[in-house]
Amino acid sequence: MELDYPNELKYLDSHEYVRLDGEIAIVGLSAFAIDQLGDVVHIELPEAGDKIAKSDDDDDEGFGSIESVKAVESLKSPVSGTVLERNETILDEPEAIADDPYGEGWLIKVKIENPEDLDDLLSATEYRSQLQADEEE
């Protein structure tokens, strides 16, 4: 499968992405992460109105979790803010996240508290380079 990393998105090194829509961050999981997880069987996401904090390190619990037949992983937040909406479709059908990770497979929409949070994220080119470097190790 050819993995895609759209140039208009920003990425965390833990494989979450952000698509900006004004002050709204649409957060999802990259095609690479979904490919590595395999069949997704359960996703936990915060409720609308919940506050989430930008994940700063690997010890951070994150804003939710994704469970596959292989592993359970924490979902890291690329931004701090208030959850406006969560994707109820993928909560009901978690396997659907793999069908369209950058479109219908988004996780949450967040009203961004600190626009500076975006400065720390990777561009698509930087994210691709990181994946390539990780592969070569």
Protein backbone atom coordinates (compact mmCIF):
# COMPACT_ATOMS: atom_id res chain seq x y z
CA MET A 1 0.00 0.00 0.00
CA GLU A 2 1.32 3.45 -0.95
CA LEU A 3 1.24 5.67 2.14
CA ASP A 4 0.32 9.28 1.63
CA TYR A 5 1.31 12.33 3.72
CA PRO A 6 -0.56 15.41 2.46
CA ASN A 7 1.60 18.54 2.28
CA GLU A 8 -1.05 20.82 3.78
CA LEU A 9 -0.97 18.92 7.09
CA LYS A 10 1.38 19.27 10.06
CA TYR A 11 2.57 16.16 11.92
CA LEU A 12 3.72 15.04 15.34
CA ASP A 13 6.58 12.54 15.48
CA SER A 14 4.09 10.22 17.24
CA HIS A 15 2.12 10.15 13.93
CA GLU A 16 -0.85 12.37 14.69
CA TYR A 17 -1.62 15.09 12.15
CA VAL A 18 -3.34 18.49 12.17
CA ARG A 19 -5.36 20.05 9.37
CA LEU A 20 -6.09 23.71 10.05
CA ASP A 21 -9.47 25.24 9.36
CA GLY A 22 -9.08 28.78 10.70
CA GLU A 23 -8.78 28.47 14.50
CA ILE A 24 -9.95 24.85 14.36
CA ALA A 25 -7.46 21.98 14.37
CA ILE A 26 -8.75 18.76 12.85
CA VAL A 27 -6.65 16.02 14.47
CA GLY A 28 -6.20 12.56 13.05
CA LEU A 29 -3.73 9.69 12.75
CA SER A 30 -1.36 9.33 9.78
CA ALA A 31 -1.68 6.56 7.23
CA PHE A 32 1.70 5.25 8.44
CA ALA A 33 0.43 4.80 12.02
CA ILE A 34 -2.77 3.12 10.87
CA ASP A 35 -0.78 0.81 8.60
CA GLN A 36 1.52 -0.12 11.50
CA LEU A 37 -1.39 -0.76 13.88
CA GLY A 38 -3.21 -3.13 11.58
CA ASP A 39 -6.91 -3.81 12.19
CA VAL A 40 -8.29 -1.17 14.56
CA VAL A 41 -10.87 -2.58 16.96
CA HIS A 42 -11.54 0.27 19.45
CA ILE A 43 -10.99 4.03 19.75
CA GLU A 44 -11.45 6.22 22.84
CA LEU A 45 -11.86 9.97 22.36
CA PRO A 46 -12.70 12.89 24.66
CA GLU A 47 -16.18 14.43 24.75
CA ALA A 48 -17.05 17.75 23.12
CA GLY A 49 -16.31 20.50 25.65
CA ASP A 50 -13.34 18.67 27.18
CA LYS A 51 -10.08 20.58 27.45
CA ILE A 52 -6.98 18.86 26.11
CA ALA A 53 -3.34 19.83 26.46
CA LYS A 54 -0.60 19.65 23.89
CA SER A 55 1.45 16.49 24.44
CA ASP A 56 5.00 17.42 25.32
CA ASP A 57 6.73 14.07 25.73
CA ASP A 58 6.39 10.32 25.45
CA ASP A 59 5.19 10.01 29.06
CA ASP A 60 2.12 12.13 28.38
CA GLU A 61 -1.12 10.14 28.56
CA GLY A 62 -2.60 11.87 25.53
CA PHE A 63 -6.24 12.64 24.80
CA GLY A 64 -7.45 9.15 24.00
CA SER A 65 -6.38 5.75 22.74
CA ILE A 66 -6.56 3.51 19.73
CA GLU A 67 -6.58 -0.26 20.03
CA SER A 68 -5.77 -2.70 17.28
CA VAL A 69 -5.26 -6.43 17.13
CA LYS A 70 -1.53 -5.69 17.68
CA ALA A 71 -1.39 -2.95 20.35
CA VAL A 72 -3.02 -0.16 22.34
CA GLU A 73 -1.52 3.27 21.70
CA SER A 74 -2.11 6.66 23.32
CA LEU A 75 -3.22 9.46 21.04
CA LYS A 76 -1.04 12.55 21.50
CA SER A 77 -2.42 16.04 21.05
CA PRO A 78 -0.54 18.39 18.74
CA VAL A 79 -2.37 21.40 20.23
CA SER A 80 -3.99 22.63 23.45
CA GLY A 81 -7.61 23.68 23.37
CA THR A 82 -11.24 22.69 23.72
CA VAL A 83 -12.71 19.70 21.90
CA LEU A 84 -15.52 20.95 19.66
CA GLU A 85 -16.45 17.62 18.11
CA ARG A 86 -15.37 14.01 18.01
CA ASN A 87 -15.85 11.66 15.10
CA GLU A 88 -18.76 9.47 16.22
CA THR A 89 -18.57 7.40 13.02
CA ILE A 90 -15.14 5.98 13.84
CA LEU A 91 -16.18 5.38 17.45
CA ASP A 92 -18.99 3.17 16.12
CA GLU A 93 -16.88 1.68 13.29
CA PRO A 94 -13.20 1.96 14.34
CA GLU A 95 -12.00 -0.03 11.34
CA ALA A 96 -13.29 2.80 9.08
CA ILE A 97 -10.34 5.00 10.13
CA ALA A 98 -8.16 3.07 7.66
CA ASP A 99 -10.45 3.84 4.70
CA ASP A 100 -9.77 7.60 4.66
CA PRO A 101 -7.39 8.71 7.45
CA TYR A 102 -7.09 12.29 6.14
CA GLY A 103 -10.76 12.77 5.30
CA GLU A 104 -13.59 10.91 6.99
CA GLY A 105 -11.16 9.19 9.40
CA TRP A 106 -10.36 12.31 11.49
CA LEU A 107 -10.51 11.93 15.29
CA ILE A 108 -11.36 15.25 16.93
CA LYS A 109 -11.84 18.94 16.13
CA VAL A 110 -10.22 21.32 18.60
CA LYS A 111 -10.51 25.09 19.06
CA ILE A 112 -6.85 26.04 19.31
CA GLU A 113 -5.82 27.85 22.51
CA ASN A 114 -2.23 28.70 21.52
CA PRO A 115 -1.47 29.11 17.79
CA GLU A 116 2.25 28.81 18.72
CA ASP A 117 1.62 25.09 19.36
CA LEU A 118 1.71 24.64 15.59
CA ASP A 119 5.30 25.94 15.37
CA ASP A 120 6.64 22.71 16.90
CA LEU A 121 4.98 20.40 14.38
CA LEU A 122 6.66 18.73 11.42
CA SER A 123 5.93 19.61 7.81
CA ALA A 124 5.01 16.73 5.50
CA THR A 125 8.58 16.77 4.13
CA GLU A 126 10.08 16.62 7.64
CA TYR A 127 7.66 13.85 8.61
CA ARG A 128 8.58 11.78 5.52
CA SER A 129 12.28 12.28 6.30
CA GLN A 130 11.77 11.12 9.87
CA LEU A 131 9.94 7.98 8.72
CA GLN A 132 12.71 7.23 6.25
CA ALA A 133 15.39 7.72 8.93
CA ASP A 134 13.47 5.47 11.35
CA GLU A 135 13.22 2.80 8.65
CA GLU A 136 16.99 2.88 8.08
CA GLU A 137 17.81 2.34 11.77
